[in-house]
Structures are given as structure tokens and as C-alpha cells.
């Protein structure tokens, strides 16, 4: 199972997704804006971050860029969660450092498949 950070300014969405991930057996931490996500990620060191794009204080793309700049941020899997799914939106999230792009509402089956496919990283990888 994975250490997952859920970042969404919609508290109900973050809590619902966190509950689902917890029921799947993952260890979950939540944040509600990009700045809080950076603080939580540094302390929690997630293997995977599920991050909303449109948030106040610091949006998901800026938070992803900053996570990637950290020594400990290069190995984590970043997944953009957004209502935007055009090619341009996908390029924008990829340019920001996201590995994957999921469109809201999140399909639990697709999420579980993504979690299964993203093998946890070890020190030797």
C-alpha cells in the first residue's frame, strides 16, 4: 500500500477521496491548497500525490513545480485532478511535472488501477 497525499480546496472532495483511499488500505494525508501541500509533503513524504489544479493561495501546477524542485520531490508520483481535460490542459499539467492527469469526478476503478500500476519506489530505484 502507498502513502498518498490528497490535495483539494474542496474539503468534502478531499475527505471523500481520503476515505476511499483509506478503505483501499493506503495511508492518507490531506491538504487544502498548494502551500499546505508543500508543507505536508515535506513532513509526510508521500509516494503519490493526488492534487487538484484550481486552488486558492497556490494552484496545483505551481505546487507541482515546487515539489519537483525539492530533493525529496523528484521521485513521488504526481497526479493532477481536474475538471479540465483538453489536450492543452494535459500539456499544462505535464509541463508542471505531473505524471498523470485524471478528470473529475474521479472514477474509483481508474484510480485503483493507477495506484496498482504505480509501484512504490525503493531506495535502489
N, C-alpha and C. Protein backbone atom coordinates (compact mmCIF):
# COMPACT_ATOMS: atom_id res chain seq x y z
N UNK A 1 0.83 -1.18 0.00
CA UNK A 1 0.00 0.00 0.00
C UNK A 1 0.87 1.25 0.00
N UNK A 2 0.29 2.35 -0.35
CA UNK A 2 1.06 3.58 -0.57
C UNK A 2 0.75 4.67 0.46
N UNK A 3 1.70 5.58 0.55
CA UNK A 3 1.49 6.82 1.30
C UNK A 3 1.00 7.84 0.28
N UNK A 4 -0.22 8.34 0.48
CA UNK A 4 -0.87 9.21 -0.51
C UNK A 4 -1.25 10.54 0.14
N UNK A 5 -0.87 11.63 -0.54
CA UNK A 5 -1.29 12.97 -0.14
C UNK A 5 -2.40 13.41 -1.08
N UNK A 6 -3.55 13.77 -0.51
CA UNK A 6 -4.69 14.27 -1.28
C UNK A 6 -4.76 15.78 -1.07
N UNK A 7 -4.76 16.54 -2.18
CA UNK A 7 -4.78 17.99 -2.10
C UNK A 7 -5.97 18.52 -2.90
N UNK A 8 -6.92 19.15 -2.21
CA UNK A 8 -8.10 19.71 -2.87
C UNK A 8 -8.67 20.79 -1.97
N UNK A 9 -8.99 21.95 -2.54
CA UNK A 9 -9.55 23.03 -1.74
C UNK A 9 -11.00 22.76 -1.34
N UNK A 10 -11.64 21.82 -2.01
CA UNK A 10 -12.99 21.40 -1.63
C UNK A 10 -12.82 20.34 -0.54
N UNK A 11 -13.10 20.74 0.69
CA UNK A 11 -12.87 19.87 1.85
C UNK A 11 -13.65 18.56 1.73
N UNK A 12 -14.90 18.64 1.28
CA UNK A 12 -15.70 17.42 1.15
C UNK A 12 -15.09 16.46 0.13
N UNK A 13 -14.61 17.00 -0.99
CA UNK A 13 -13.97 16.15 -2.01
C UNK A 13 -12.70 15.51 -1.46
N UNK A 14 -11.89 16.31 -0.77
CA UNK A 14 -10.65 15.78 -0.20
C UNK A 14 -10.96 14.69 0.83
N UNK A 15 -11.94 14.95 1.68
CA UNK A 15 -12.29 13.96 2.71
C UNK A 15 -12.85 12.68 2.10
N UNK A 16 -13.70 12.82 1.09
CA UNK A 16 -14.28 11.63 0.43
C UNK A 16 -13.21 10.78 -0.23
N UNK A 17 -12.30 11.45 -0.95
CA UNK A 17 -11.22 10.72 -1.62
C UNK A 17 -10.29 10.08 -0.60
N UNK A 18 -10.01 10.79 0.48
CA UNK A 18 -9.16 10.24 1.54
C UNK A 18 -9.79 9.01 2.18
N UNK A 19 -11.09 9.07 2.41
CA UNK A 19 -11.81 7.93 2.98
C UNK A 19 -11.73 6.73 2.05
N UNK A 20 -11.97 6.96 0.76
CA UNK A 20 -11.89 5.88 -0.22
C UNK A 20 -10.50 5.25 -0.23
N UNK A 21 -9.47 6.09 -0.25
CA UNK A 21 -8.10 5.58 -0.27
C UNK A 21 -7.77 4.82 1.01
N UNK A 22 -8.26 5.31 2.14
CA UNK A 22 -8.06 4.61 3.40
C UNK A 22 -8.72 3.24 3.40
N UNK A 23 -9.93 3.17 2.84
CA UNK A 23 -10.61 1.88 2.74
C UNK A 23 -9.87 0.92 1.82
N UNK A 24 -9.12 1.46 0.86
CA UNK A 24 -8.31 0.63 -0.04
C UNK A 24 -7.02 0.17 0.65
N UNK A 25 -6.76 0.70 1.85
CA UNK A 25 -5.59 0.26 2.60
C UNK A 25 -4.41 1.21 2.56
N UNK A 26 -4.57 2.37 1.94
CA UNK A 26 -3.47 3.32 1.84
C UNK A 26 -3.41 4.22 3.07
N UNK A 27 -2.23 4.74 3.35
CA UNK A 27 -2.04 5.73 4.40
C UNK A 27 -2.21 7.09 3.75
N UNK A 28 -3.11 7.92 4.30
CA UNK A 28 -3.50 9.15 3.61
C UNK A 28 -3.31 10.37 4.50
N UNK A 29 -2.88 11.45 3.87
CA UNK A 29 -2.78 12.76 4.49
C UNK A 29 -3.49 13.74 3.55
N UNK A 30 -4.09 14.80 4.08
CA UNK A 30 -4.79 15.75 3.22
C UNK A 30 -4.26 17.17 3.41
N UNK A 31 -4.40 17.96 2.35
CA UNK A 31 -4.09 19.39 2.37
C UNK A 31 -5.15 20.08 1.52
N UNK A 32 -5.34 21.39 1.73
CA UNK A 32 -6.42 22.09 1.05
C UNK A 32 -5.98 23.25 0.17
N UNK A 33 -4.69 23.42 -0.01
CA UNK A 33 -4.17 24.36 -1.01
C UNK A 33 -2.72 23.98 -1.30
N UNK A 34 -2.16 24.59 -2.32
CA UNK A 34 -0.82 24.22 -2.74
C UNK A 34 0.25 24.47 -1.70
N UNK A 35 0.14 25.60 -0.98
CA UNK A 35 1.13 25.92 0.04
C UNK A 35 1.10 24.88 1.17
N UNK A 36 -0.10 24.52 1.59
CA UNK A 36 -0.22 23.49 2.63
C UNK A 36 0.28 22.15 2.11
N UNK A 37 0.07 21.88 0.83
CA UNK A 37 0.55 20.63 0.23
C UNK A 37 2.06 20.51 0.33
N UNK A 38 2.77 21.61 0.10
CA UNK A 38 4.24 21.58 0.19
C UNK A 38 4.68 21.25 1.62
N UNK A 39 4.03 21.85 2.59
CA UNK A 39 4.38 21.58 4.00
C UNK A 39 4.08 20.13 4.36
N UNK A 40 2.90 19.66 3.99
CA UNK A 40 2.51 18.29 4.33
C UNK A 40 3.40 17.28 3.60
N UNK A 41 3.73 17.56 2.34
CA UNK A 41 4.57 16.63 1.57
C UNK A 41 5.96 16.51 2.18
N UNK A 42 6.51 17.62 2.66
CA UNK A 42 7.83 17.56 3.26
C UNK A 42 7.82 16.70 4.52
N UNK A 43 6.78 16.81 5.31
CA UNK A 43 6.70 16.04 6.55
C UNK A 43 6.26 14.59 6.32
N UNK A 44 5.31 14.37 5.42
CA UNK A 44 4.68 13.07 5.20
C UNK A 44 5.45 12.20 4.19
N UNK A 45 6.13 12.85 3.25
CA UNK A 45 6.89 12.18 2.18
C UNK A 45 6.05 11.13 1.45
N UNK A 46 4.99 11.56 0.79
CA UNK A 46 4.11 10.60 0.09
C UNK A 46 4.80 9.97 -1.11
N UNK A 47 4.35 8.78 -1.45
CA UNK A 47 4.80 8.14 -2.69
C UNK A 47 4.00 8.68 -3.87
N UNK A 48 2.77 9.11 -3.58
CA UNK A 48 1.86 9.56 -4.63
C UNK A 48 1.06 10.75 -4.11
N UNK A 49 0.90 11.77 -4.96
CA UNK A 49 0.13 12.96 -4.61
C UNK A 49 -1.00 13.10 -5.62
N UNK A 50 -2.23 13.17 -5.12
CA UNK A 50 -3.41 13.43 -5.94
C UNK A 50 -3.78 14.89 -5.69
N UNK A 51 -3.58 15.76 -6.71
CA UNK A 51 -3.70 17.19 -6.47
C UNK A 51 -4.64 17.87 -7.45
N UNK A 52 -5.59 18.61 -6.87
CA UNK A 52 -6.48 19.47 -7.64
C UNK A 52 -5.63 20.56 -8.30
N UNK A 53 -6.08 21.05 -9.44
CA UNK A 53 -5.34 22.11 -10.13
C UNK A 53 -5.81 23.49 -9.70
N UNK A 54 -7.13 23.73 -9.73
CA UNK A 54 -7.67 25.05 -9.44
C UNK A 54 -7.89 25.25 -7.95
N UNK A 55 -6.88 25.84 -7.27
CA UNK A 55 -6.98 26.08 -5.83
C UNK A 55 -6.51 27.49 -5.51
N UNK A 56 -7.01 28.06 -4.40
CA UNK A 56 -6.53 29.38 -3.98
C UNK A 56 -5.14 29.26 -3.34
N UNK A 57 -4.56 30.37 -3.03
CA UNK A 57 -3.25 30.50 -2.39
C UNK A 57 -2.14 30.10 -3.36
N UNK A 58 -2.12 28.84 -3.79
CA UNK A 58 -1.16 28.35 -4.79
C UNK A 58 -1.85 27.24 -5.55
N UNK A 59 -1.91 27.37 -6.88
CA UNK A 59 -2.61 26.34 -7.66
C UNK A 59 -1.78 25.06 -7.75
N UNK A 60 -2.41 24.01 -8.24
CA UNK A 60 -1.76 22.71 -8.30
C UNK A 60 -0.54 22.66 -9.19
N UNK A 61 -0.56 23.41 -10.28
CA UNK A 61 0.60 23.40 -11.18
C UNK A 61 1.82 24.03 -10.52
N UNK A 62 1.63 25.15 -9.84
CA UNK A 62 2.74 25.79 -9.14
C UNK A 62 3.24 24.89 -8.00
N UNK A 63 2.33 24.27 -7.29
CA UNK A 63 2.73 23.35 -6.21
C UNK A 63 3.53 22.18 -6.77
N UNK A 64 3.11 21.65 -7.92
CA UNK A 64 3.84 20.53 -8.54
C UNK A 64 5.25 20.97 -8.93
N UNK A 65 5.38 22.15 -9.53
CA UNK A 65 6.70 22.66 -9.90
C UNK A 65 7.61 22.75 -8.66
N UNK A 66 7.06 23.26 -7.59
CA UNK A 66 7.86 23.43 -6.36
C UNK A 66 8.20 22.08 -5.73
N UNK A 67 7.28 21.14 -5.77
CA UNK A 67 7.58 19.80 -5.26
C UNK A 67 8.73 19.18 -6.04
N UNK A 68 8.71 19.34 -7.35
CA UNK A 68 9.75 18.76 -8.20
C UNK A 68 11.12 19.40 -7.96
N UNK A 69 11.15 20.61 -7.43
CA UNK A 69 12.42 21.28 -7.15
C UNK A 69 13.09 20.77 -5.88
N UNK A 70 12.32 20.13 -5.03
CA UNK A 70 12.87 19.61 -3.77
C UNK A 70 13.63 18.31 -4.03
N UNK A 71 14.71 18.10 -3.27
CA UNK A 71 15.49 16.86 -3.40
C UNK A 71 14.60 15.64 -3.22
N UNK A 72 13.66 15.70 -2.30
CA UNK A 72 12.79 14.58 -1.98
C UNK A 72 11.55 14.53 -2.88
N UNK A 73 11.35 15.52 -3.74
CA UNK A 73 10.13 15.58 -4.55
C UNK A 73 10.22 14.98 -5.93
N UNK A 74 11.40 14.62 -6.36
CA UNK A 74 11.56 14.12 -7.71
C UNK A 74 11.03 12.72 -7.94
N UNK A 75 10.97 11.91 -6.90
CA UNK A 75 10.59 10.51 -7.05
C UNK A 75 9.09 10.25 -6.88
N UNK A 76 8.39 11.18 -6.24
CA UNK A 76 6.97 10.92 -6.00
C UNK A 76 6.16 11.02 -7.29
N UNK A 77 5.08 10.27 -7.34
CA UNK A 77 4.18 10.28 -8.49
C UNK A 77 3.15 11.38 -8.25
N UNK A 78 3.05 12.31 -9.20
CA UNK A 78 2.08 13.40 -9.09
C UNK A 78 0.94 13.17 -10.07
N UNK A 79 -0.28 13.23 -9.55
CA UNK A 79 -1.48 13.01 -10.36
C UNK A 79 -2.35 14.26 -10.27
N UNK A 80 -2.58 14.90 -11.42
CA UNK A 80 -3.46 16.07 -11.48
C UNK A 80 -4.91 15.61 -11.44
N UNK A 81 -5.70 16.25 -10.58
CA UNK A 81 -7.14 16.01 -10.51
C UNK A 81 -7.82 17.30 -10.96
N UNK A 82 -8.57 17.23 -12.04
CA UNK A 82 -9.14 18.46 -12.58
C UNK A 82 -10.39 18.19 -13.40
N UNK A 83 -11.18 19.21 -13.55
CA UNK A 83 -12.33 19.14 -14.44
C UNK A 83 -11.94 19.47 -15.87
N UNK A 84 -10.69 19.86 -16.07
CA UNK A 84 -10.20 20.25 -17.39
C UNK A 84 -9.51 19.08 -18.05
N UNK A 85 -9.95 18.71 -19.25
CA UNK A 85 -9.39 17.52 -19.88
C UNK A 85 -8.97 17.67 -21.32
N UNK A 86 -8.89 18.92 -21.81
CA UNK A 86 -8.46 19.13 -23.19
C UNK A 86 -6.96 18.85 -23.31
N UNK A 87 -6.50 18.66 -24.54
CA UNK A 87 -5.07 18.39 -24.78
C UNK A 87 -4.19 19.49 -24.18
N UNK A 88 -4.62 20.73 -24.31
CA UNK A 88 -3.85 21.85 -23.76
C UNK A 88 -3.73 21.75 -22.24
N UNK A 89 -4.81 21.32 -21.59
CA UNK A 89 -4.79 21.15 -20.14
C UNK A 89 -3.83 20.04 -19.73
N UNK A 90 -3.84 18.96 -20.49
CA UNK A 90 -2.93 17.84 -20.21
C UNK A 90 -1.47 18.26 -20.40
N UNK A 91 -1.20 19.05 -21.44
CA UNK A 91 0.17 19.55 -21.65
C UNK A 91 0.60 20.44 -20.50
N UNK A 92 -0.32 21.27 -20.04
CA UNK A 92 -0.01 22.19 -18.94
C UNK A 92 0.37 21.41 -17.67
N UNK A 93 -0.38 20.37 -17.35
CA UNK A 93 -0.06 19.60 -16.15
C UNK A 93 1.24 18.81 -16.33
N UNK A 94 1.45 18.29 -17.53
CA UNK A 94 2.70 17.57 -17.80
C UNK A 94 3.89 18.52 -17.67
N UNK A 95 3.77 19.72 -18.22
CA UNK A 95 4.85 20.71 -18.13
C UNK A 95 5.14 21.11 -16.68
N UNK A 96 4.12 21.05 -15.83
CA UNK A 96 4.29 21.40 -14.42
C UNK A 96 4.95 20.28 -13.62
N UNK A 97 5.04 19.08 -14.20
CA UNK A 97 5.70 17.98 -13.51
C UNK A 97 4.80 16.83 -13.10
N UNK A 98 3.52 16.90 -13.49
CA UNK A 98 2.61 15.80 -13.16
C UNK A 98 2.90 14.58 -14.03
N UNK A 99 2.77 13.39 -13.44
CA UNK A 99 2.94 12.14 -14.17
C UNK A 99 1.66 11.69 -14.85
N UNK A 100 0.51 12.03 -14.23
CA UNK A 100 -0.79 11.57 -14.73
C UNK A 100 -1.80 12.70 -14.60
N UNK A 101 -2.90 12.57 -15.35
CA UNK A 101 -3.95 13.59 -15.39
C UNK A 101 -5.29 12.86 -15.34
N UNK A 102 -6.03 13.02 -14.24
CA UNK A 102 -7.35 12.41 -14.11
C UNK A 102 -8.41 13.50 -14.08
N UNK A 103 -9.52 13.23 -14.75
CA UNK A 103 -10.61 14.21 -14.84
C UNK A 103 -11.66 13.90 -13.78
N UNK A 104 -12.08 14.96 -13.08
CA UNK A 104 -13.14 14.83 -12.07
C UNK A 104 -14.49 14.68 -12.77
N UNK A 105 -15.44 13.97 -12.20
CA UNK A 105 -15.29 13.19 -10.97
C UNK A 105 -14.41 11.96 -11.22
N UNK A 106 -13.63 11.62 -10.23
CA UNK A 106 -12.67 10.52 -10.34
C UNK A 106 -13.40 9.19 -10.33
N UNK A 107 -13.07 8.37 -11.31
CA UNK A 107 -13.61 7.01 -11.40
C UNK A 107 -12.81 6.13 -10.43
N UNK A 108 -13.44 5.57 -9.40
CA UNK A 108 -12.71 4.76 -8.42
C UNK A 108 -11.96 3.58 -9.04
N UNK A 109 -12.52 2.98 -10.08
CA UNK A 109 -11.85 1.85 -10.74
C UNK A 109 -10.57 2.34 -11.43
N UNK A 110 -10.66 3.47 -12.12
CA UNK A 110 -9.48 4.03 -12.79
C UNK A 110 -8.42 4.43 -11.76
N UNK A 111 -8.87 4.98 -10.64
CA UNK A 111 -7.94 5.37 -9.58
C UNK A 111 -7.23 4.15 -9.00
N UNK A 112 -7.98 3.10 -8.73
CA UNK A 112 -7.37 1.88 -8.18
C UNK A 112 -6.37 1.29 -9.17
N UNK A 113 -6.70 1.31 -10.45
CA UNK A 113 -5.79 0.80 -11.47
C UNK A 113 -4.51 1.62 -11.49
N UNK A 114 -4.64 2.94 -11.43
CA UNK A 114 -3.47 3.82 -11.41
C UNK A 114 -2.60 3.53 -10.19
N UNK A 115 -3.22 3.38 -9.04
CA UNK A 115 -2.47 3.08 -7.82
C UNK A 115 -1.75 1.74 -7.93
N UNK A 116 -2.39 0.76 -8.52
CA UNK A 116 -1.76 -0.56 -8.70
C UNK A 116 -0.59 -0.49 -9.67
N UNK A 117 -0.72 0.34 -10.70
CA UNK A 117 0.31 0.43 -11.74
C UNK A 117 1.52 1.25 -11.30
N UNK A 118 1.35 2.11 -10.33
CA UNK A 118 2.47 2.93 -9.87
C UNK A 118 3.13 2.24 -8.69
N UNK A 119 4.10 1.42 -9.01
CA UNK A 119 4.80 0.63 -8.00
C UNK A 119 5.52 1.57 -7.04
N UNK A 120 5.51 1.22 -5.76
CA UNK A 120 6.24 2.05 -4.81
C UNK A 120 7.72 2.05 -5.14
N UNK A 121 8.34 3.19 -4.97
CA UNK A 121 9.76 3.31 -5.28
C UNK A 121 10.57 2.90 -4.06
N UNK A 122 11.72 2.31 -4.32
CA UNK A 122 12.61 1.93 -3.23
C UNK A 122 13.88 2.75 -3.35
N UNK A 123 14.73 2.70 -2.35
CA UNK A 123 15.97 3.47 -2.36
C UNK A 123 16.83 3.14 -3.58
N UNK A 124 16.78 1.90 -4.06
CA UNK A 124 17.66 1.48 -5.16
C UNK A 124 17.13 1.88 -6.53
N UNK A 125 15.88 2.36 -6.62
CA UNK A 125 15.32 2.68 -7.93
C UNK A 125 15.76 4.03 -8.41
